[in-house]
Amino acid sequence: MYLRKVEGPRAVTLPDGRILTRADLPSPDTERWVASRKARLLLAITVGLVSRDYAIETYGLSEEELQSWERLARRHGPEGLRVTTIQKYRQP
């Protein structure tokens, strides 16, 4: 069996006992970013499964987009990552 060489760990154990692997991440050709995919990618970055640079390069994100996801998740939780409710959380 051949495993492709990757930087960083292949799997991490979360504080609640769950295991997050690279296979759990969204596909690199993801175009439709639903809240659950955003949350999973942010979690992977937070626990050190992937780096910010890897996420930006692999998924074609901008630094500003990733920062806005982090800010919304920090302020409003997973609900803040939903596009349909983003207007509710924006400041006038």
PDB file of N, CA and C in Angstrom:
ATOM      1  N   MET A   1       0.839  -1.173   0.000  1.00  0.00           N
ATOM      2  CA  MET A   1       0.000   0.000   0.000  1.00  0.00           C
ATOM      3  C   MET A   1       0.889   1.244   0.000  1.00  0.00           C
ATOM      4  N   TYR A   2       0.546   2.178  -0.848  1.00  0.00           N
ATOM      5  CA  TYR A   2       1.337   3.395  -0.977  1.00  0.00           C
ATOM      6  C   TYR A   2       0.565   4.564  -0.369  1.00  0.00           C
ATOM      7  N   LEU A   3       1.207   5.298   0.524  1.00  0.00           N
ATOM      8  CA  LEU A   3       0.606   6.502   1.089  1.00  0.00           C
ATOM      9  C   LEU A   3       1.355   7.702   0.550  1.00  0.00           C
ATOM     10  N   ARG A   4       0.598   8.637  -0.005  1.00  0.00           N
ATOM     11  CA  ARG A   4       1.211   9.843  -0.556  1.00  0.00           C
ATOM     12  C   ARG A   4       1.856  10.643   0.576  1.00  0.00           C
ATOM     13  N   LYS A   5       3.016  11.190   0.315  1.00  0.00           N
ATOM     14  CA  LYS A   5       3.730  11.964   1.312  1.00  0.00           C
ATOM     15  C   LYS A   5       3.036  13.314   1.504  1.00  0.00           C
ATOM     16  N   VAL A   6       2.715  13.636   2.748  1.00  0.00           N
ATOM     17  CA  VAL A   6       2.074  14.901   3.065  1.00  0.00           C
ATOM     18  C   VAL A   6       2.800  15.549   4.229  1.00  0.00           C
ATOM     19  N   GLU A   7       2.732  16.869   4.283  1.00  0.00           N
ATOM     20  CA  GLU A   7       3.299  17.583   5.420  1.00  0.00           C
ATOM     21  C   GLU A   7       2.308  17.556   6.560  1.00  0.00           C
ATOM     22  N   GLY A   8       2.802  17.390   7.755  1.00  0.00           N
ATOM     23  CA  GLY A   8       1.935  17.385   8.917  1.00  0.00           C
ATOM     24  C   GLY A   8       1.308  16.023   9.167  1.00  0.00           C
ATOM     25  N   PRO A   9       0.469  15.969  10.185  1.00  0.00           N
ATOM     26  CA  PRO A   9      -0.147  14.680  10.545  1.00  0.00           C
ATOM     27  C   PRO A   9      -1.225  14.261   9.562  1.00  0.00           C
ATOM     28  N   ARG A  10      -1.500  12.974   9.510  1.00  0.00           N
ATOM     29  CA  ARG A  10      -2.584  12.444   8.679  1.00  0.00           C
ATOM     30  C   ARG A  10      -3.901  12.444   9.441  1.00  0.00           C
ATOM     31  N   ALA A  11      -3.815  12.384  10.766  1.00  0.00           N
ATOM     32  CA  ALA A  11      -5.004  12.358  11.614  1.00  0.00           C
ATOM     33  C   ALA A  11      -4.673  13.006  12.950  1.00  0.00           C
ATOM     34  N   VAL A  12      -5.682  13.618  13.569  1.00  0.00           N
ATOM     35  CA  VAL A  12      -5.529  14.192  14.908  1.00  0.00           C
ATOM     36  C   VAL A  12      -6.728  13.768  15.745  1.00  0.00           C
ATOM     37  N   THR A  13      -6.486  13.601  17.034  1.00  0.00           N
ATOM     38  CA  THR A  13      -7.565  13.281  17.957  1.00  0.00           C
ATOM     39  C   THR A  13      -8.039  14.585  18.585  1.00  0.00           C
ATOM     40  N   LEU A  14      -9.331  14.845  18.480  1.00  0.00           N
ATOM     41  CA  LEU A  14      -9.924  16.060  19.028  1.00  0.00           C
ATOM     42  C   LEU A  14     -10.134  15.906  20.531  1.00  0.00           C
ATOM     43  N   PRO A  15     -10.291  17.012  21.252  1.00  0.00           N
ATOM     44  CA  PRO A  15     -10.476  16.930  22.708  1.00  0.00           C
ATOM     45  C   PRO A  15     -11.664  16.066  23.139  1.00  0.00           C
ATOM     46  N   ASP A  16     -12.685  15.962  22.290  1.00  0.00           N
ATOM     47  CA  ASP A  16     -13.850  15.150  22.656  1.00  0.00           C
ATOM     48  C   ASP A  16     -13.680  13.678  22.292  1.00  0.00           C
ATOM     49  N   GLY A  17     -12.499  13.294  21.784  1.00  0.00           N
ATOM     50  CA  GLY A  17     -12.209  11.907  21.484  1.00  0.00           C
ATOM     51  C   GLY A  17     -12.398  11.517  20.022  1.00  0.00           C
ATOM     52  N   ARG A  18     -13.063  12.360  19.231  1.00  0.00           N
ATOM     53  CA  ARG A  18     -13.237  12.065  17.808  1.00  0.00           C
ATOM     54  C   ARG A  18     -11.897  12.180  17.102  1.00  0.00           C
ATOM     55  N   ILE A  19     -11.796  11.515  15.969  1.00  0.00           N
ATOM     56  CA  ILE A  19     -10.579  11.580  15.158  1.00  0.00           C
ATOM     57  C   ILE A  19     -10.908  12.297  13.857  1.00  0.00           C
ATOM     58  N   LEU A  20     -10.092  13.289  13.525  1.00  0.00           N
ATOM     59  CA  LEU A  20     -10.246  14.044  12.287  1.00  0.00           C
ATOM     60  C   LEU A  20      -9.077  13.693  11.386  1.00  0.00           C
ATOM     61  N   THR A  21      -9.379  13.227  10.178  1.00  0.00           N
ATOM     62  CA  THR A  21      -8.325  12.863   9.229  1.00  0.00           C
ATOM     63  C   THR A  21      -8.408  13.763   8.000  1.00  0.00           C
ATOM     64  N   ARG A  22      -7.394  13.686   7.179  1.00  0.00           N
ATOM     65  CA  ARG A  22      -7.402  14.452   5.937  1.00  0.00           C
ATOM     66  C   ARG A  22      -8.517  13.991   5.010  1.00  0.00           C
ATOM     67  N   ALA A  23      -8.925  12.733   5.131  1.00  0.00           N
ATOM     68  CA  ALA A  23     -10.029  12.219   4.316  1.00  0.00           C
ATOM     69  C   ALA A  23     -11.361  12.876   4.691  1.00  0.00           C
ATOM     70  N   ASP A  24     -11.452  13.437   5.888  1.00  0.00           N
ATOM     71  CA  ASP A  24     -12.671  14.112   6.336  1.00  0.00           C
ATOM     72  C   ASP A  24     -12.798  15.522   5.777  1.00  0.00           C
ATOM     73  N   LEU A  25     -11.727  16.034   5.206  1.00  0.00           N
ATOM     74  CA  LEU A  25     -11.751  17.395   4.667  1.00  0.00           C
ATOM     75  C   LEU A  25     -12.506  17.430   3.344  1.00  0.00           C
ATOM     76  N   PRO A  26     -13.036  18.604   2.987  1.00  0.00           N
ATOM     77  CA  PRO A  26     -13.717  18.723   1.689  1.00  0.00           C
ATOM     78  C   PRO A  26     -12.759  18.437   0.535  1.00  0.00           C
ATOM     79  N   SER A  27     -13.323  18.065  -0.586  1.00  0.00           N
ATOM     80  CA  SER A  27     -12.541  17.803  -1.788  1.00  0.00           C
ATOM     81  C   SER A  27     -11.851  19.092  -2.247  1.00  0.00           C
ATOM     82  N   PRO A  28     -10.637  18.997  -2.776  1.00  0.00           N
ATOM     83  CA  PRO A  28      -9.940  20.190  -3.248  1.00  0.00           C
ATOM     84  C   PRO A  28     -10.668  20.942  -4.367  1.00  0.00           C
ATOM     85  N   ASP A  29     -11.554  20.274  -5.087  1.00  0.00           N
ATOM     86  CA  ASP A  29     -12.285  20.968  -6.154  1.00  0.00           C
ATOM     87  C   ASP A  29     -13.650  21.478  -5.688  1.00  0.00           C
ATOM     88  N   THR A  30     -13.825  21.624  -4.381  1.00  0.00           N
ATOM     89  CA  THR A  30     -15.080  22.129  -3.819  1.00  0.00           C
ATOM     90  C   THR A  30     -15.347  23.546  -4.309  1.00  0.00           C
ATOM     91  N   GLU A  31     -16.538  23.759  -4.829  1.00  0.00           N
ATOM     92  CA  GLU A  31     -16.944  25.092  -5.265  1.00  0.00           C
ATOM     93  C   GLU A  31     -18.066  25.637  -4.388  1.00  0.00           C
ATOM     94  N   ARG A  32     -18.871  24.747  -3.845  1.00  0.00           N
ATOM     95  CA  ARG A  32     -20.009  25.165  -3.018  1.00  0.00           C
ATOM     96  C   ARG A  32     -19.637  24.963  -1.553  1.00  0.00           C
ATOM     97  N   TRP A  33     -19.409  26.063  -0.852  1.00  0.00           N
ATOM     98  CA  TRP A  33     -18.953  26.011   0.530  1.00  0.00           C
ATOM     99  C   TRP A  33     -20.139  26.175   1.480  1.00  0.00           C
ATOM    100  N   VAL A  34     -20.688  25.060   1.925  1.00  0.00           N
ATOM    101  CA  VAL A  34     -21.756  25.098   2.918  1.00  0.00           C
ATOM    102  C   VAL A  34     -21.119  25.244   4.298  1.00  0.00           C
ATOM    103  N   ALA A  35     -21.926  25.595   5.280  1.00  0.00           N
ATOM    104  CA  ALA A  35     -21.418  25.873   6.626  1.00  0.00           C
ATOM    105  C   ALA A  35     -20.649  24.696   7.212  1.00  0.00           C
ATOM    106  N   SER A  36     -21.119  23.471   6.986  1.00  0.00           N
ATOM    107  CA  SER A  36     -20.438  22.312   7.575  1.00  0.00           C
ATOM    108  C   SER A  36     -19.040  22.124   6.992  1.00  0.00           C
ATOM    109  N   ARG A  37     -18.864  22.390   5.717  1.00  0.00           N
ATOM    110  CA  ARG A  37     -17.534  22.263   5.099  1.00  0.00           C
ATOM    111  C   ARG A  37     -16.596  23.357   5.615  1.00  0.00           C
ATOM    112  N   LYS A  38     -17.122  24.560   5.734  1.00  0.00           N
ATOM    113  CA  LYS A  38     -16.313  25.656   6.278  1.00  0.00           C
ATOM    114  C   LYS A  38     -15.870  25.329   7.693  1.00  0.00           C
ATOM    115  N   ALA A  39     -16.811  24.841   8.517  1.00  0.00           N
ATOM    116  CA  ALA A  39     -16.506  24.509   9.910  1.00  0.00           C
ATOM    117  C   ALA A  39     -15.464  23.404  10.001  1.00  0.00           C
ATOM    118  N   ARG A  40     -15.565  22.391   9.144  1.00  0.00           N
ATOM    119  CA  ARG A  40     -14.613  21.285   9.165  1.00  0.00           C
ATOM    120  C   ARG A  40     -13.217  21.766   8.787  1.00  0.00           C
ATOM    121  N   LEU A  41     -13.129  22.635   7.782  1.00  0.00           N
ATOM    122  CA  LEU A  41     -11.821  23.161   7.376  1.00  0.00           C
ATOM    123  C   LEU A  41     -11.236  24.042   8.476  1.00  0.00           C
ATOM    124  N   LEU A  42     -12.045  24.883   9.093  1.00  0.00           N
ATOM    125  CA  LEU A  42     -11.555  25.728  10.184  1.00  0.00           C
ATOM    126  C   LEU A  42     -11.082  24.880  11.361  1.00  0.00           C
ATOM    127  N   LEU A  43     -11.806  23.811  11.666  1.00  0.00           N
ATOM    128  CA  LEU A  43     -11.396  22.912  12.740  1.00  0.00           C
ATOM    129  C   LEU A  43     -10.053  22.265  12.414  1.00  0.00           C
ATOM    130  N   ALA A  44      -9.883  21.835  11.179  1.00  0.00           N
ATOM    131  CA  ALA A  44      -8.624  21.207  10.760  1.00  0.00           C
ATOM    132  C   ALA A  44      -7.452  22.177  10.896  1.00  0.00           C
ATOM    133  N   ILE A  45      -7.682  23.428  10.576  1.00  0.00           N
ATOM    134  CA  ILE A  45      -6.628  24.439  10.714  1.00  0.00           C
ATOM    135  C   ILE A  45      -6.331  24.674  12.190  1.00  0.00           C
ATOM    136  N   THR A  46      -7.375  24.769  13.007  1.00  0.00           N
ATOM    137  CA  THR A  46      -7.223  25.041  14.434  1.00  0.00           C
ATOM    138  C   THR A  46      -6.441  23.950  15.157  1.00  0.00           C
ATOM    139  N   VAL A  47      -6.722  22.693  14.841  1.00  0.00           N
ATOM    140  CA  VAL A  47      -6.053  21.586  15.542  1.00  0.00           C
ATOM    141  C   VAL A  47      -4.729  21.200  14.898  1.00  0.00           C
ATOM    142  N   GLY A  48      -4.358  21.855  13.805  1.00  0.00           N
ATOM    143  CA  GLY A  48      -3.060  21.621  13.198  1.00  0.00           C
ATOM    144  C   GLY A  48      -3.005  20.492  12.190  1.00  0.00           C
ATOM    145  N   LEU A  49      -4.146  20.038  11.728  1.00  0.00           N
ATOM    146  CA  LEU A  49      -4.150  18.981  10.711  1.00  0.00           C
ATOM    147  C   LEU A  49      -3.624  19.522   9.386  1.00  0.00           C
ATOM    148  N   VAL A  50      -4.012  20.747   9.037  1.00  0.00           N
ATOM    149  CA  VAL A  50      -3.499  21.421   7.841  1.00  0.00           C
ATOM    150  C   VAL A  50      -3.126  22.849   8.216  1.00  0.00           C
ATOM    151  N   SER A  51      -2.259  23.442   7.450  1.00  0.00           N
ATOM    152  CA  SER A  51      -1.858  24.828   7.702  1.00  0.00           C
ATOM    153  C   SER A  51      -2.777  25.786   6.954  1.00  0.00           C
ATOM    154  N   ARG A  52      -2.754  27.026   7.361  1.00  0.00           N
ATOM    155  CA  ARG A  52      -3.543  28.063   6.674  1.00  0.00           C
ATOM    156  C   ARG A  52      -3.106  28.171   5.216  1.00  0.00           C
ATOM    157  N   ASP A  53      -1.801  28.142   4.995  1.00  0.00           N
ATOM    158  CA  ASP A  53      -1.280  28.262   3.632  1.00  0.00           C
ATOM    159  C   ASP A  53      -1.750  27.098   2.760  1.00  0.00           C
ATOM    160  N   TYR A  54      -1.747  25.899   3.329  1.00  0.00           N
ATOM    161  CA  TYR A  54      -2.226  24.729   2.594  1.00  0.00           C
ATOM    162  C   TYR A  54      -3.697  24.913   2.210  1.00  0.00           C
ATOM    163  N   ALA A  55      -4.505  25.365   3.156  1.00  0.00           N
ATOM    164  CA  ALA A  55      -5.939  25.556   2.898  1.00  0.00           C
ATOM    165  C   ALA A  55      -6.168  26.600   1.815  1.00  0.00           C
ATOM    166  N   ILE A  56      -5.452  27.694   1.886  1.00  0.00           N
ATOM    167  CA  ILE A  56      -5.607  28.768   0.903  1.00  0.00           C
ATOM    168  C   ILE A  56      -5.201  28.282  -0.487  1.00  0.00           C
ATOM    169  N   GLU A  57      -4.078  27.594  -0.564  1.00  0.00           N
ATOM    170  CA  GLU A  57      -3.575  27.121  -1.854  1.00  0.00           C
ATOM    171  C   GLU A  57      -4.443  25.999  -2.433  1.00  0.00           C
ATOM    172  N   THR A  58      -4.784  25.032  -1.615  1.00  0.00           N
ATOM    173  CA  THR A  58      -5.524  23.859  -2.078  1.00  0.00           C
ATOM    174  C   THR A  58      -6.952  24.190  -2.483  1.00  0.00           C
ATOM    175  N   TYR A  59      -7.607  25.035  -1.706  1.00  0.00           N
ATOM    176  CA  TYR A  59      -9.020  25.315  -1.945  1.00  0.00           C
ATOM    177  C   TYR A  59      -9.263  26.620  -2.712  1.00  0.00           C
ATOM    178  N   GLY A  60      -8.193  27.315  -3.070  1.00  0.00           N
ATOM    179  CA  GLY A  60      -8.336  28.537  -3.855  1.00  0.00           C
ATOM    180  C   GLY A  60      -9.033  29.652  -3.098  1.00  0.00           C
ATOM    181  N   LEU A  61      -8.801  29.719  -1.798  1.00  0.00           N
ATOM    182  CA  LEU A  61      -9.410  30.752  -0.962  1.00  0.00           C
ATOM    183  C   LEU A  61      -8.487  31.951  -0.871  1.00  0.00           C
ATOM    184  N   SER A  62      -9.048  33.078  -0.530  1.00  0.00           N
ATOM    185  CA  SER A  62      -8.214  34.246  -0.263  1.00  0.00           C
ATOM    186  C   SER A  62      -8.009  34.339   1.252  1.00  0.00           C
ATOM    187  N   GLU A  63      -6.986  35.027   1.659  1.00  0.00           N
ATOM    188  CA  GLU A  63      -6.713  35.222   3.079  1.00  0.00           C
ATOM    189  C   GLU A  63      -7.886  35.933   3.751  1.00  0.00           C
ATOM    190  N   GLU A  64      -8.454  36.913   3.064  1.00  0.00           N
ATOM    191  CA  GLU A  64      -9.581  37.669   3.615  1.00  0.00           C
ATOM    192  C   GLU A  64     -10.812  36.782   3.811  1.00  0.00           C
ATOM    193  N   GLU A  65     -11.050  35.883   2.857  1.00  0.00           N
ATOM    194  CA  GLU A  65     -12.198  34.984   2.962  1.00  0.00           C
ATOM    195  C   GLU A  65     -12.046  34.052   4.161  1.00  0.00           C
ATOM    196  N   LEU A  66     -10.864  33.494   4.330  1.00  0.00           N
ATOM    197  CA  LEU A  66     -10.613  32.603   5.453  1.00  0.00           C
ATOM    198  C   LEU A  66     -10.722  33.363   6.785  1.00  0.00           C
ATOM    199  N   GLN A  67     -10.205  34.569   6.819  1.00  0.00           N
ATOM    200  CA  GLN A  67     -10.303  35.385   8.029  1.00  0.00           C
ATOM    201  C   GLN A  67     -11.757  35.718   8.361  1.00  0.00           C
ATOM    202  N   SER A  68     -12.567  35.976   7.344  1.00  0.00           N
ATOM    203  CA  SER A  68     -13.979  36.289   7.606  1.00  0.00           C
ATOM    204  C   SER A  68     -14.710  35.069   8.150  1.00  0.00           C
ATOM    205  N   TRP A  69     -14.392  33.874   7.639  1.00  0.00           N
ATOM    206  CA  TRP A  69     -14.994  32.640   8.180  1.00  0.00           C
ATOM    207  C   TRP A  69     -14.620  32.480   9.647  1.00  0.00           C
ATOM    208  N   GLU A  70     -13.348  32.699   9.960  1.00  0.00           N
ATOM    209  CA  GLU A  70     -12.892  32.558  11.347  1.00  0.00           C
ATOM    210  C   GLU A  70     -13.582  33.569  12.254  1.00  0.00           C
ATOM    211  N   ARG A  71     -13.686  34.794  11.786  1.00  0.00           N
ATOM    212  CA  ARG A  71     -14.322  35.842  12.574  1.00  0.00           C
ATOM    213  C   ARG A  71     -15.801  35.521  12.830  1.00  0.00           C
ATOM    214  N   LEU A  72     -16.510  35.101  11.784  1.00  0.00           N
ATOM    215  CA  LEU A  72     -17.923  34.765  11.937  1.00  0.00           C
ATOM    216  C   LEU A  72     -18.115  33.558  12.847  1.00  0.00           C
ATOM    217  N   ALA A  73     -17.274  32.554  12.725  1.00  0.00           N
ATOM    218  CA  ALA A  73     -17.380  31.367  13.573  1.00  0.00           C
ATOM    219  C   ALA A  73     -17.084  31.708  15.030  1.00  0.00           C
ATOM    220  N   ARG A  74     -16.119  32.579  15.250  1.00  0.00           N
ATOM    221  CA  ARG A  74     -15.762  32.977  16.612  1.00  0.00           C
ATOM    222  C   ARG A  74     -16.896  33.776  17.257  1.00  0.00           C
ATOM    223  N   ARG A  75     -17.483  34.686  16.506  1.00  0.00           N
ATOM    224  CA  ARG A  75     -18.541  35.545  17.051  1.00  0.00           C
ATOM    225  C   ARG A  75     -19.885  34.847  17.195  1.00  0.00           C
ATOM    226  N   HIS A  76     -20.248  34.026  16.190  1.00  0.00           N
ATOM    227  CA  HIS A  76     -21.607  33.503  16.130  1.00  0.00           C
ATOM    228  C   HIS A  76     -21.696  31.986  16.111  1.00  0.00           C
ATOM    229  N   GLY A  77     -20.570  31.304  16.171  1.00  0.00           N
ATOM    230  CA  GLY A  77     -20.596  29.847  16.131  1.00  0.00           C
ATOM    231  C   GLY A  77     -20.842  29.345  14.723  1.00  0.00           C
ATOM    232  N   PRO A  78     -21.151  28.066  14.588  1.00  0.00           N
ATOM    233  CA  PRO A  78     -21.366  27.473  13.259  1.00  0.00           C
ATOM    234  C   PRO A  78     -22.501  28.142  12.479  1.00  0.00           C
ATOM    235  N   GLU A  79     -23.485  28.666  13.168  1.00  0.00           N
ATOM    236  CA  GLU A  79     -24.599  29.341  12.495  1.00  0.00           C
ATOM    237  C   GLU A  79     -24.115  30.572  11.713  1.00  0.00           C
ATOM    238  N   GLY A  80     -23.056  31.205  12.182  1.00  0.00           N
ATOM    239  CA  GLY A  80     -22.525  32.379  11.520  1.00  0.00           C
ATOM    240  C   GLY A  80     -21.893  32.091  10.172  1.00  0.00           C
ATOM    241  N   LEU A  81     -21.600  30.821   9.897  1.00  0.00           N
ATOM    242  CA  LEU A  81     -20.977  30.445   8.630  1.00  0.00           C
ATOM    243  C   LEU A  81     -21.995  30.238   7.518  1.00  0.00           C
ATOM    244  N   ARG A  82     -23.270  30.258   7.855  1.00  0.00           N
ATOM    245  CA  ARG A  82     -24.306  30.074   6.839  1.00  0.00           C
ATOM    246  C   ARG A  82     -24.452  31.343   6.007  1.00  0.00           C
ATOM    247  N   VAL A  83     -24.464  31.173   4.712  1.00  0.00           N
ATOM    248  CA  VAL A  83     -24.579  32.310   3.808  1.00  0.00           C
ATOM    249  C   VAL A  83     -25.962  32.932   3.901  1.00  0.00           C
ATOM    250  N   THR A  84     -26.975  32.111   4.115  1.00  0.00           N
ATOM    251  CA  THR A  84     -28.344  32.631   4.132  1.00  0.00           C
ATOM    252  C   THR A  84     -28.621  33.516   5.336  1.00  0.00           C
ATOM    253  N   THR A  85     -27.838  33.385   6.387  1.00  0.00           N
ATOM    254  CA  THR A  85     -28.060  34.214   7.585  1.00  0.00           C
ATOM    255  C   THR A  85     -26.983  35.258   7.792  1.00  0.00           C
ATOM    256  N   ILE A  86     -26.100  35.423   6.821  1.00  0.00           N
ATOM    257  CA  ILE A  86     -24.968  36.352   7.003  1.00  0.00           C
ATOM    258  C   ILE A  86     -25.446  37.798   7.176  1.00  0.00           C
ATOM    259  N   GLN A  87     -26.527  38.165   6.503  1.00  0.00           N
ATOM    260  CA  GLN A  87     -27.036  39.525   6.641  1.00  0.00           C
ATOM    261  C   GLN A  87     -27.493  39.797   8.060  1.00  0.00           C
ATOM    262  N   LYS A  88     -27.957  38.795   8.747  1.00  0.00           N
ATOM    263  CA  LYS A  88     -28.433  38.928  10.110  1.00  0.00           C
ATOM    264  C   LYS A  88     -27.297  39.329  11.044  1.00  0.00           C
ATOM    265  N   TYR A  89     -26.081  38.868  10.754  1.00  0.00           N
ATOM    266  CA  TYR A  89     -24.941  39.101  11.630  1.00  0.00           C
ATOM    267  C   TYR A  89     -24.101  40.323  11.238  1.00  0.00           C
ATOM    268  N   ARG A  90     -24.336  40.874  10.081  1.00  0.00           N
ATOM    269  CA  ARG A  90     -23.538  42.023   9.642  1.00  0.00           C
ATOM    270  C   ARG A  90     -23.952  43.278  10.401  1.00  0.00           C
ATOM    271  N   GLN A  91     -22.976  44.092  10.690  1.00  0.00           N
ATOM    272  CA  GLN A  91     -23.235  45.360  11.354  1.00  0.00           C
ATOM    273  C   GLN A  91     -23.629  46.405  10.320  1.00  0.00           C
ATOM    274  N   PRO A  92     -24.632  47.233  10.618  1.00  0.00           N
ATOM    275  CA  PRO A  92     -25.042  48.275   9.644  1.00  0.00           C
ATOM    276  C   PRO A  92     -23.985  49.361   9.517  1.00  0.00           C
TER     277      PRO A  92
END
